[in-house]
Structure formats: structure tokens, C-alpha cells
């Protein structure tokens, strides 16, 4: 999932179960899930919604009461000057109109929580295949034009009360729009079809990138690349540098800004003067990687993908699209190959270095607690840890019995 390198990822119809840990899905993201349950569906398989937020962001789950019957998940991302609210929803085909009403009411609750400066994004699979959307230039978004069924009418009427605007018009292979995207600021949001999807394409659901422009003052974190130059203050002319800094009218630059913006502007001005007047030197320390299987080639490809994506989103030309598609494919293949090589190396060195194996196992687990649901044969333990432990004991006893019988047969032969 993380191969696309997006800040936020929303998936519907995940088919995830409680026994699948978040760390098995992605280690670079904070994951919020709503798996299918008895409350949300009479079906035991399928469904489910997921929101993944890059770990570098401050994010939290948003708890909404009285909506446990929905396959819906809501998360918030805290930025210096605003909060982003993201809602992911999956509604089964032919669902009762009450489901659409319930979801629309939940969206209205999110809007009530948000401030005027916050951003709201509601995306998901609504399964209203015959509902058409017509562009309205006055609101710079799309309005439903043929709502007729009870589900369509209650949904369009209640969602309109939230004040959000629908902006997705990417049609699937049947020329229908099942996946919708609602935003509170349509002027600074756009839908883009990704050249390289994260997952295998579903003909009925065309993936899309929701690109947003946010007016946020934040201090940029320097890249950790070993090729980045450092300032060489030993060769710096401090007299000239001091004169430049003293000549800046700081009151004019930061006087009217908020505290966060003033800090960002201050640092940017200081670094601008340093970049223009202080000699550079190259760092030579060895790069440090967050993942044991990460490589310099992977980092180079990742940076190339990020640059190519910015160019494509800005120009939207066919050449930029093909270049981004090629780079993302190379990055994905290289990432998979590097991870596979890492796991093969752990497996081959299991006897010589068992510590690396258990470190890997620990990194793929969400915790050391006993799972809530444990099944063995026709039995399921879902109430107490003792029941789960007894099922484990029965399984190990059966394995021991099979091994013992096999040894007896071998000796008798």
C-alpha cells in the first residue's frame, strides 16, 4: 500500500479481518479501520474501510456516536493552522435508504465539529449507479440531476444540508460513477486519475487522487539525503553576514503574521540569507534507513517519483504522465525486490542469526496480547484468554500426537 508514497490513502472493500494486524499492511502509515462486523452487515465476508495517514503527521481517530451500523471510518490530521477531517465510507448495493440518511447525518456531525478554516473530505463507494451528476459553475462542483429512488432522494437531500460539494466524475467501465468525493472547498481541490494505481484495478471502481491546495505555514524538514550540502561556517564572512541580517526589517516581514506563520517566515528568511552567502560543504556520513531492507537506490527512485508527480499534477501532459507511470513502476518493482531479498536473507540465516528473525516478527506484530478471536477446527474462543489458551493447547496436542504416531510408524518400518 505504501508504494504509492501518498500522504493519505483511503480504501474501500478491504476484506480485512480482526486477525490481520495493521503492521502487516504498512509500517510507514498510521491506519484507521472499520472492518465488516455483525452490526454493519449480515454478510460475514467483504466490505470494510481503511484510512492510512503517513506516520509523520499528527492524526487521530474521530469517534462519532450512534453510527456503528455503518462501514465507515473517520480520522483527523492536525496541521499547524488547521485540521483535516477525512471520512471513508462503503455502502452495499441496494442498501436501505436509512443507511444513506445515517451516513449523511454523520457527515453533518463532522461539519459541525470543524472550524471554518478546516478542510473536510468524504470519499467512498456509494453504489448509486444510476445517479447522474451535472456540473454547476456557480458552486464549481457537481449536482445530482436525476435523483428518483428513495435512497437517491434521501441521500442527495441530506448530504446537501452538510454544505459539501461533490467533485468526482471519473466513470468506470460501465460508464457509471459509484465512488464519490465530497469536499468543503471545491476551488482548492481537484480529482486526478493516477497513471499508476496502488492496487490491481477494479473495472467497477476507478481509483483517483484527490489533490488539495492548503494555505499552511510549516517549517520544512530538511531531506536526509547524503548528497545534501551543509553550511561551511569556517569559510564564512561573518561581518558581511551580520550586516545582511541587521539590514532586514523584521517588523515589516513578520509583524502581521500569526505566531506559527511568523516563525516559518523568520526561518525561511534566515535560511535564504545563509544559502546565498555561506559556502557549502558535502556531508560524508553513511545514510541511515528507517527499514532494514531500504537501499540508496530505493531512496533515489522515491525522490524521482515525488518530483515527477509534482510535474504531472502541475502540467497534466501525456509526457509527464508516462514518465511518472514508468518511475512509479520501477519504484514499486525495486521496493518489492528489496523486501523479498531481505526476507530471503533472514530465512537463510535463521540458524546463524535468529535475533534478526524475531526482530522481523516483532516489527510485523501490533502487540503481544492474545487475539480476541481464536479458531481451531469448529471451535472459536472469543470471550476469555483462558478459552484461547485452551484452543492453542488442543492444537499443539494434536500436532504432538501426529508427530509421535509418525515416529512410531517410522521405527516399526
Protein backbone atom coordinates (compact mmCIF):
# COMPACT_ATOMS: atom_id res chain seq x y z
CA UNK A 1 0.00 0.00 0.00
CA UNK A 2 2.80 2.41 0.81
CA UNK A 3 4.49 2.05 -2.58
CA UNK A 4 2.49 4.94 -3.99
CA UNK A 5 4.04 7.32 -1.46
CA UNK A 6 0.90 9.38 -0.85
CA UNK A 7 0.23 11.34 2.34
CA UNK A 8 -3.23 9.85 2.90
CA UNK A 9 -4.75 6.69 1.42
CA UNK A 10 -8.44 5.70 1.64
CA UNK A 11 -9.52 2.18 0.63
CA UNK A 12 -12.99 0.63 0.47
CA UNK A 13 -13.95 -3.04 0.33
CA UNK A 14 -10.75 -4.01 2.13
CA UNK A 15 -12.00 -7.50 3.13
CA UNK A 16 -9.88 -7.18 6.27
CA UNK A 17 -10.49 -9.25 9.41
CA UNK A 18 -9.61 -8.53 13.06
CA UNK A 19 -6.83 -11.14 12.94
CA UNK A 20 -4.94 -9.08 10.33
CA UNK A 21 -2.72 -6.54 12.12
CA UNK A 22 -2.19 -3.00 10.83
CA UNK A 23 1.56 -3.58 10.74
CA UNK A 24 1.02 -6.31 8.18
CA UNK A 25 -0.42 -3.69 5.82
CA UNK A 26 2.09 -0.83 6.06
CA UNK A 27 4.70 0.31 8.54
CA UNK A 28 5.00 3.92 7.32
CA UNK A 29 1.37 4.81 8.00
CA UNK A 30 -0.99 5.20 10.92
CA UNK A 31 -4.00 3.08 9.98
CA UNK A 32 -7.64 3.55 10.99
CA UNK A 33 -10.03 0.73 10.08
CA UNK A 34 -13.66 -0.26 10.17
CA UNK A 35 -13.86 -3.94 9.26
CA UNK A 36 -17.13 -5.63 8.40
CA UNK A 37 -18.96 -6.82 11.52
CA UNK A 38 -22.33 -8.23 12.56
CA UNK A 39 -23.51 -4.70 13.32
CA UNK A 40 -22.78 -3.31 9.87
CA UNK A 41 -23.75 -6.25 7.67
CA UNK A 42 -25.47 -9.61 7.64
CA UNK A 43 -22.64 -10.88 5.44
CA UNK A 44 -19.50 -12.19 7.11
CA UNK A 45 -17.09 -11.55 4.24
CA UNK A 46 -16.18 -8.49 2.18
CA UNK A 47 -16.68 -4.81 2.86
CA UNK A 48 -14.54 -2.77 5.21
CA UNK A 49 -13.00 0.71 5.01
CA UNK A 50 -9.48 1.93 5.76
CA UNK A 51 -7.75 5.30 6.12
CA UNK A 52 -3.94 5.35 6.20
CA UNK A 53 -2.10 8.55 7.17
CA UNK A 54 1.65 8.97 6.75
CA UNK A 55 3.31 8.49 10.13
CA UNK A 56 4.97 11.93 10.05
CA UNK A 57 1.55 13.58 10.53
CA UNK A 58 -0.28 14.05 13.82
CA UNK A 59 -3.53 12.17 13.39
CA UNK A 60 -6.32 10.69 15.47
CA UNK A 61 -9.45 8.64 15.09
CA UNK A 62 -12.67 10.68 15.22
CA UNK A 63 -15.33 8.99 17.31
CA UNK A 64 -18.91 9.51 16.21
CA UNK A 65 -21.76 8.09 18.34
CA UNK A 66 -24.67 6.07 17.05
CA UNK A 67 -23.11 5.15 13.71
CA UNK A 68 -21.79 1.66 14.47
CA UNK A 69 -24.07 0.17 11.80
CA UNK A 70 -22.07 1.91 9.06
CA UNK A 71 -18.94 0.61 7.35
CA UNK A 72 -17.38 4.00 7.91
CA UNK A 73 -14.16 5.35 9.42
CA UNK A 74 -13.29 8.97 10.27
CA UNK A 75 -9.85 10.40 11.05
CA UNK A 76 -8.38 13.85 11.61
CA UNK A 77 -4.95 15.20 10.66
CA UNK A 78 -3.67 18.14 12.71
CA UNK A 79 -1.66 20.76 10.83
CA UNK A 80 -0.21 24.00 12.30
CA UNK A 81 -3.13 26.21 11.25
CA UNK A 82 -5.98 23.81 10.54
CA UNK A 83 -7.34 20.30 10.90
CA UNK A 84 -8.17 17.96 8.04
CA UNK A 85 -11.15 15.64 8.56
CA UNK A 86 -11.27 12.52 6.37
CA UNK A 87 -14.24 10.17 6.17
CA UNK A 88 -14.23 6.88 4.25
CA UNK A 89 -17.49 5.03 3.60
CA UNK A 90 -18.65 1.83 1.92
CA UNK A 91 -22.38 1.28 1.29
CA UNK A 92 -23.50 -2.05 -0.12
CA UNK A 93 -25.59 -2.19 -3.31
CA UNK A 94 -29.34 -1.98 -2.75
CA UNK A 95 -28.90 -0.74 0.81
CA UNK A 96 -31.91 0.62 2.67
CA UNK A 97 -32.39 4.41 2.39
CA UNK A 98 -31.86 4.67 6.16
CA UNK A 99 -28.21 3.76 5.62
CA UNK A 100 -27.73 6.79 3.37
CA UNK A 101 -29.56 9.00 5.83
CA UNK A 102 -27.42 7.75 8.70
CA UNK A 103 -24.18 8.41 6.77
CA UNK A 104 -25.33 11.88 5.73
CA UNK A 105 -26.13 12.71 9.36
CA UNK A 106 -22.64 11.53 10.34
CA UNK A 107 -21.15 13.85 7.71
CA UNK A 108 -23.18 16.74 9.12
CA UNK A 109 -21.79 15.92 12.59
CA UNK A 110 -18.25 16.14 11.18
CA UNK A 111 -19.05 19.52 9.61
CA UNK A 112 -20.39 20.75 12.95
CA UNK A 113 -17.09 19.82 14.63
CA UNK A 114 -14.92 21.52 12.02
CA UNK A 115 -13.96 25.18 12.10
CA UNK A 116 -14.39 27.45 9.09
CA UNK A 117 -10.65 27.16 8.35
CA UNK A 118 -10.61 23.34 8.48
CA UNK A 119 -10.77 21.02 5.47
CA UNK A 120 -13.26 18.16 5.10
CA UNK A 121 -13.03 15.24 2.66
CA UNK A 122 -15.64 12.49 2.43
CA UNK A 123 -14.89 9.73 -0.09
CA UNK A 124 -16.17 6.23 -0.68
CA UNK A 125 -18.23 3.75 -2.62
CA UNK A 126 -21.90 4.78 -2.51
CA UNK A 127 -23.23 2.25 -5.04
CA UNK A 128 -25.78 4.56 -6.65
CA UNK A 129 -25.08 3.55 -10.27
CA UNK A 130 -27.97 5.40 -11.92
CA UNK A 131 -27.46 8.74 -10.21
CA UNK A 132 -26.11 11.36 -12.65
CA UNK A 133 -24.04 14.42 -11.76
CA UNK A 134 -24.10 17.73 -13.67
CA UNK A 135 -21.52 20.47 -13.31
CA UNK A 136 -22.71 23.73 -11.76
CA UNK A 137 -20.29 26.58 -12.46
CA UNK A 138 -21.73 28.74 -9.67
CA UNK A 139 -20.54 26.34 -6.98
CA UNK A 140 -17.67 24.84 -9.04
CA UNK A 141 -18.83 21.28 -8.38
CA UNK A 142 -21.41 18.70 -9.47
CA UNK A 143 -25.07 18.41 -8.52
CA UNK A 144 -27.30 15.32 -8.79
CA UNK A 145 -29.64 15.74 -11.76
CA UNK A 146 -31.93 12.71 -11.80
CA UNK A 147 -32.49 11.52 -8.21
CA UNK A 148 -35.66 9.40 -8.24
CA UNK A 149 -35.38 6.37 -5.96
CA UNK A 150 -35.94 6.74 -2.23
CA UNK A 151 -32.28 6.06 -1.49
CA UNK A 152 -31.13 8.66 -4.05
CA UNK A 153 -33.59 11.27 -2.78
CA UNK A 154 -32.83 10.94 0.94
CA UNK A 155 -29.09 10.86 0.26
CA UNK A 156 -28.95 13.90 -2.01
CA UNK A 157 -31.28 15.91 0.22
CA UNK A 158 -29.45 15.16 3.47
CA UNK A 159 -25.91 15.39 2.09
CA UNK A 160 -26.80 18.78 0.58
CA UNK A 161 -27.51 20.03 4.10
CA UNK A 162 -23.85 19.46 5.00
CA UNK A 163 -22.67 22.12 2.55
CA UNK A 164 -20.12 19.81 0.89
CA UNK A 165 -19.54 19.64 -2.87
CA UNK A 166 -19.14 16.50 -5.00
CA UNK A 167 -16.17 16.74 -7.41
CA UNK A 168 -15.52 13.23 -8.79
CA UNK A 169 -16.67 12.43 -12.35
CA UNK A 170 -14.32 9.57 -13.27
CA UNK A 171 -16.55 6.88 -14.76
CA UNK A 172 -15.95 3.14 -14.53
CA UNK A 173 -16.03 0.58 -17.34
CA UNK A 174 -19.86 0.68 -17.31
CA UNK A 175 -19.84 4.47 -17.69
CA UNK A 176 -21.14 4.89 -14.13
CA UNK A 177 -19.93 6.76 -11.07
CA UNK A 178 -20.02 4.63 -7.93
CA UNK A 179 -17.25 6.36 -5.97
CA UNK A 180 -17.91 9.92 -4.86
CA UNK A 181 -15.73 12.64 -3.33
CA UNK A 182 -17.21 15.46 -1.25
CA UNK A 183 -15.13 18.48 -0.16
CA UNK A 184 -15.91 21.73 1.63
CA UNK A 185 -13.65 23.79 -0.65
CA UNK A 186 -14.02 22.81 -4.30
CA UNK A 187 -11.89 25.73 -5.50
CA UNK A 188 -8.72 24.28 -3.97
CA UNK A 189 -9.36 20.60 -4.70
CA UNK A 190 -9.19 18.57 -7.89
CA UNK A 191 -9.56 14.94 -8.94
CA UNK A 192 -6.73 13.37 -10.95
CA UNK A 193 -6.61 9.88 -12.42
CA UNK A 194 -3.34 8.25 -11.25
CA UNK A 195 -1.10 6.86 -14.01
CA UNK A 196 -0.01 4.01 -11.71
CA UNK A 197 -2.66 2.69 -9.26
CA UNK A 198 -1.65 1.36 -5.84
CA UNK A 199 -3.59 -1.89 -6.23
CA UNK A 200 -4.88 -4.08 -9.03
CA UNK A 201 -7.52 -2.19 -10.99
CA UNK A 202 -11.18 -2.99 -10.43
CA UNK A 203 -13.22 -2.33 -13.58
CA UNK A 204 -16.14 -1.08 -11.49
CA UNK A 205 -14.10 1.33 -9.34
CA UNK A 206 -11.66 3.73 -10.96
CA UNK A 207 -9.08 4.98 -8.44
CA UNK A 208 -8.48 8.70 -8.14
CA UNK A 209 -6.10 11.13 -6.47
CA UNK A 210 -7.69 13.99 -4.58
CA UNK A 211 -5.17 16.81 -4.74
CA UNK A 212 -5.66 19.78 -2.41
CA UNK A 213 -4.03 23.17 -2.00
CA UNK A 214 -3.74 24.20 1.65
CA UNK A 215 -2.53 27.57 2.91
CA UNK A 216 -0.43 26.20 5.74
CA UNK A 217 2.67 27.76 7.28
CA UNK A 218 5.00 24.98 8.35
CA UNK A 219 8.74 24.68 8.70
CA UNK A 220 10.20 22.38 6.09
CA UNK A 221 12.09 19.36 7.37
CA UNK A 222 15.46 19.01 5.62
CA UNK A 223 15.95 15.93 3.48
CA UNK A 224 18.19 13.22 4.97
CA UNK A 225 19.98 12.53 1.68
CA UNK A 226 23.76 12.26 1.98
CA UNK A 227 24.08 14.38 -1.18
CA UNK A 228 22.62 17.48 0.50
CA UNK A 229 25.28 20.17 1.21
CA UNK A 230 25.91 21.64 4.67
CA UNK A 231 26.90 25.20 5.50
CA UNK A 232 30.68 25.66 5.93
CA UNK A 233 30.85 28.40 8.55
CA UNK A 234 34.64 28.10 8.80
CA UNK A 235 34.92 29.85 5.43
CA UNK A 236 32.09 32.31 6.08
CA UNK A 237 32.44 36.14 6.08
CA UNK A 238 30.68 36.83 9.38
CA UNK A 239 30.95 40.60 9.04
CA UNK A 240 29.05 40.61 5.75
CA UNK A 241 26.57 38.06 7.10
CA UNK A 242 25.92 40.17 10.20
CA UNK A 243 25.33 43.28 8.07
CA UNK A 244 22.79 41.42 5.92
CA UNK A 245 20.86 40.13 8.94
CA UNK A 246 20.93 43.54 10.62
CA UNK A 247 19.57 45.19 7.48
CA UNK A 248 16.38 43.10 7.46
CA UNK A 249 13.21 44.92 8.54
CA UNK A 250 11.76 42.10 10.65
CA UNK A 251 8.75 44.13 11.76
CA UNK A 252 7.64 44.54 8.17
CA UNK A 253 8.19 40.85 7.34
CA UNK A 254 6.54 39.13 10.29
CA UNK A 255 4.56 41.88 12.03
CA UNK A 256 1.15 40.95 10.66
CA UNK A 257 1.57 37.17 10.73
CA UNK A 258 0.28 34.64 13.22
CA UNK A 259 2.78 33.05 15.60
CA UNK A 260 3.20 29.89 13.52
CA UNK A 261 3.48 31.76 10.23
CA UNK A 262 5.85 34.35 11.73
CA UNK A 263 8.17 31.56 12.90
CA UNK A 264 8.13 29.92 9.49
CA UNK A 265 8.76 33.23 7.69
CA UNK A 266 11.60 34.07 10.10
CA UNK A 267 13.39 30.77 9.49
CA UNK A 268 12.84 30.98 5.74
CA UNK A 269 14.40 34.48 5.60
CA UNK A 270 17.38 33.44 7.73
CA UNK A 271 18.00 30.33 5.61
CA UNK A 272 17.63 32.38 2.43
CA UNK A 273 20.47 34.66 3.57
CA UNK A 274 22.56 31.67 4.68
CA UNK A 275 22.05 29.85 1.40
CA UNK A 276 23.13 32.87 -0.62
CA UNK A 277 26.14 33.91 1.46
CA UNK A 278 27.61 30.90 3.30
CA UNK A 279 29.91 28.45 1.46
CA UNK A 280 28.81 24.82 1.28
CA UNK A 281 30.43 21.50 2.10
CA UNK A 282 29.36 17.95 1.44
CA UNK A 283 28.32 15.56 4.17
CA UNK A 284 30.03 12.21 4.01
CA UNK A 285 28.39 10.20 6.75
CA UNK A 286 26.75 6.93 5.79
CA UNK A 287 22.99 7.15 5.23
CA UNK A 288 20.68 5.75 7.88
CA UNK A 289 17.49 3.98 6.77
CA UNK A 290 14.29 3.51 8.71
CA UNK A 291 13.81 -0.01 7.30
CA UNK A 292 16.46 -2.71 7.37
CA UNK A 293 15.75 -3.54 3.74
CA UNK A 294 15.87 0.05 2.45
CA UNK A 295 18.59 0.94 -0.08
CA UNK A 296 20.14 4.03 -1.62
CA UNK A 297 18.62 3.09 -4.98
CA UNK A 298 15.16 2.95 -3.41
CA UNK A 299 15.60 6.39 -1.92
CA UNK A 300 16.78 7.77 -5.25
CA UNK A 301 13.75 6.30 -7.03
CA UNK A 302 11.38 7.57 -4.34
CA UNK A 303 12.70 11.12 -4.71
CA UNK A 304 12.41 10.85 -8.50
CA UNK A 305 8.78 9.72 -8.16
CA UNK A 306 7.95 12.66 -5.89
CA UNK A 307 9.47 15.16 -8.32
CA UNK A 308 7.76 13.55 -11.34
CA UNK A 309 4.40 13.54 -9.53
CA UNK A 310 4.64 17.27 -8.85
CA UNK A 311 5.40 17.90 -12.52
CA UNK A 312 2.49 15.73 -13.68
CA UNK A 313 -0.01 17.29 -11.26
CA UNK A 314 1.10 20.74 -12.44
CA UNK A 315 1.30 20.15 -16.20
CA UNK A 316 -1.02 17.13 -16.71
CA UNK A 317 0.73 16.42 -20.03
CA UNK A 318 0.95 12.98 -21.63
CA UNK A 319 4.77 13.04 -21.46
CA UNK A 320 4.74 13.83 -17.74
CA UNK A 321 2.11 11.11 -17.20
CA UNK A 322 4.18 8.45 -18.98
CA UNK A 323 7.34 9.45 -17.12
CA UNK A 324 5.56 9.24 -13.76
CA UNK A 325 3.99 5.90 -14.69
CA UNK A 326 7.41 4.48 -15.60
CA UNK A 327 9.10 5.77 -12.44
CA UNK A 328 6.35 4.51 -10.13
CA UNK A 329 6.52 1.07 -11.77
CA UNK A 330 10.31 0.99 -11.30
CA UNK A 331 9.97 2.14 -7.69
CA UNK A 332 7.33 -0.49 -6.93
CA UNK A 333 9.38 -3.30 -8.52
CA UNK A 334 12.55 -2.21 -6.74
CA UNK A 335 10.74 -1.98 -3.41
CA UNK A 336 9.25 -5.46 -3.75
CA UNK A 337 12.62 -6.92 -4.82
CA UNK A 338 14.46 -5.27 -1.92
CA UNK A 339 11.94 -6.52 0.63
CA UNK A 340 11.96 -10.05 -0.84
CA UNK A 341 15.75 -10.12 -0.76
CA UNK A 342 15.64 -9.03 2.88
CA UNK A 343 13.20 -11.76 3.92
CA UNK A 344 15.15 -14.40 1.95
CA UNK A 345 18.30 -13.33 3.77
CA UNK A 346 16.57 -13.61 7.16
CA UNK A 347 15.25 -17.06 6.27
CA UNK A 348 18.61 -18.40 5.07
CA UNK A 349 20.40 -17.08 8.18
CA UNK A 350 17.77 -18.25 10.67
CA UNK A 351 20.07 -20.70 12.48
CA UNK A 352 23.10 -18.41 12.48
CA UNK A 353 21.19 -15.24 13.39
CA UNK A 354 17.79 -15.98 15.00
CA UNK A 355 17.72 -12.50 16.53
CA UNK A 356 17.11 -10.89 13.13
CA UNK A 357 14.19 -13.26 12.52
CA UNK A 358 12.46 -12.41 15.79
CA UNK A 359 13.12 -8.70 15.23
CA UNK A 360 11.30 -9.02 11.92
CA UNK A 361 8.40 -10.90 13.54
CA UNK A 362 8.11 -8.22 16.22
CA UNK A 363 8.02 -5.47 13.60
CA UNK A 364 5.06 -7.16 11.86
CA UNK A 365 3.01 -7.54 15.04
CA UNK A 366 0.80 -4.90 16.56
CA UNK A 367 1.30 -6.18 20.09
CA UNK A 368 1.94 -9.18 22.31
CA UNK A 369 -1.64 -9.57 23.53
CA UNK A 370 -3.72 -12.69 22.93
CA UNK A 371 -6.02 -12.23 19.90
CA UNK A 372 -9.67 -11.54 20.70
CA UNK A 373 -10.88 -14.29 18.35
CA UNK A 374 -9.06 -17.63 18.06
CA UNK A 375 -10.44 -20.51 15.98
CA UNK A 376 -9.37 -24.13 15.72
CA UNK A 377 -11.46 -26.61 13.78
CA UNK A 378 -15.13 -25.97 14.51
CA UNK A 379 -14.41 -24.22 17.83
CA UNK A 380 -13.99 -20.48 18.41
CA UNK A 381 -12.81 -18.70 21.54
CA UNK A 382 -13.98 -15.10 21.77
CA UNK A 383 -14.75 -14.46 25.41
CA UNK A 384 -11.75 -15.12 27.68
CA UNK A 385 -7.96 -15.57 27.28
CA UNK A 386 -8.29 -18.95 29.02
CA UNK A 387 -10.51 -20.27 26.19
CA UNK A 388 -7.99 -19.08 23.61
CA UNK A 389 -5.13 -20.70 25.52
CA UNK A 390 -7.05 -24.00 25.68
CA UNK A 391 -7.57 -23.94 21.91
CA UNK A 392 -3.83 -23.38 21.41
CA UNK A 393 -3.17 -26.31 23.76
CA UNK A 394 -5.55 -28.56 21.79
CA UNK A 395 -3.80 -27.63 18.55
CA UNK A 396 -0.32 -28.30 19.95
CA UNK A 397 -1.55 -31.60 21.48
CA UNK A 398 -2.85 -32.71 18.08
CA UNK A 399 0.43 -31.81 16.41
CA UNK A 400 2.37 -33.70 19.07
CA UNK A 401 0.13 -36.73 18.58
CA UNK A 402 0.66 -36.68 14.81
CA UNK A 403 4.43 -36.40 15.20
CA UNK A 404 4.51 -39.20 17.77
CA UNK A 405 2.45 -41.50 15.52
CA UNK A 406 4.75 -40.75 12.62
CA UNK A 407 7.82 -41.63 14.65
CA UNK A 408 6.28 -44.94 15.80
CA UNK A 409 5.44 -45.89 12.21
CA UNK A 410 8.97 -44.98 11.12
CA UNK A 411 10.62 -47.14 13.82
CA UNK A 412 8.29 -50.09 13.16
CA UNK A 413 9.12 -49.95 9.45
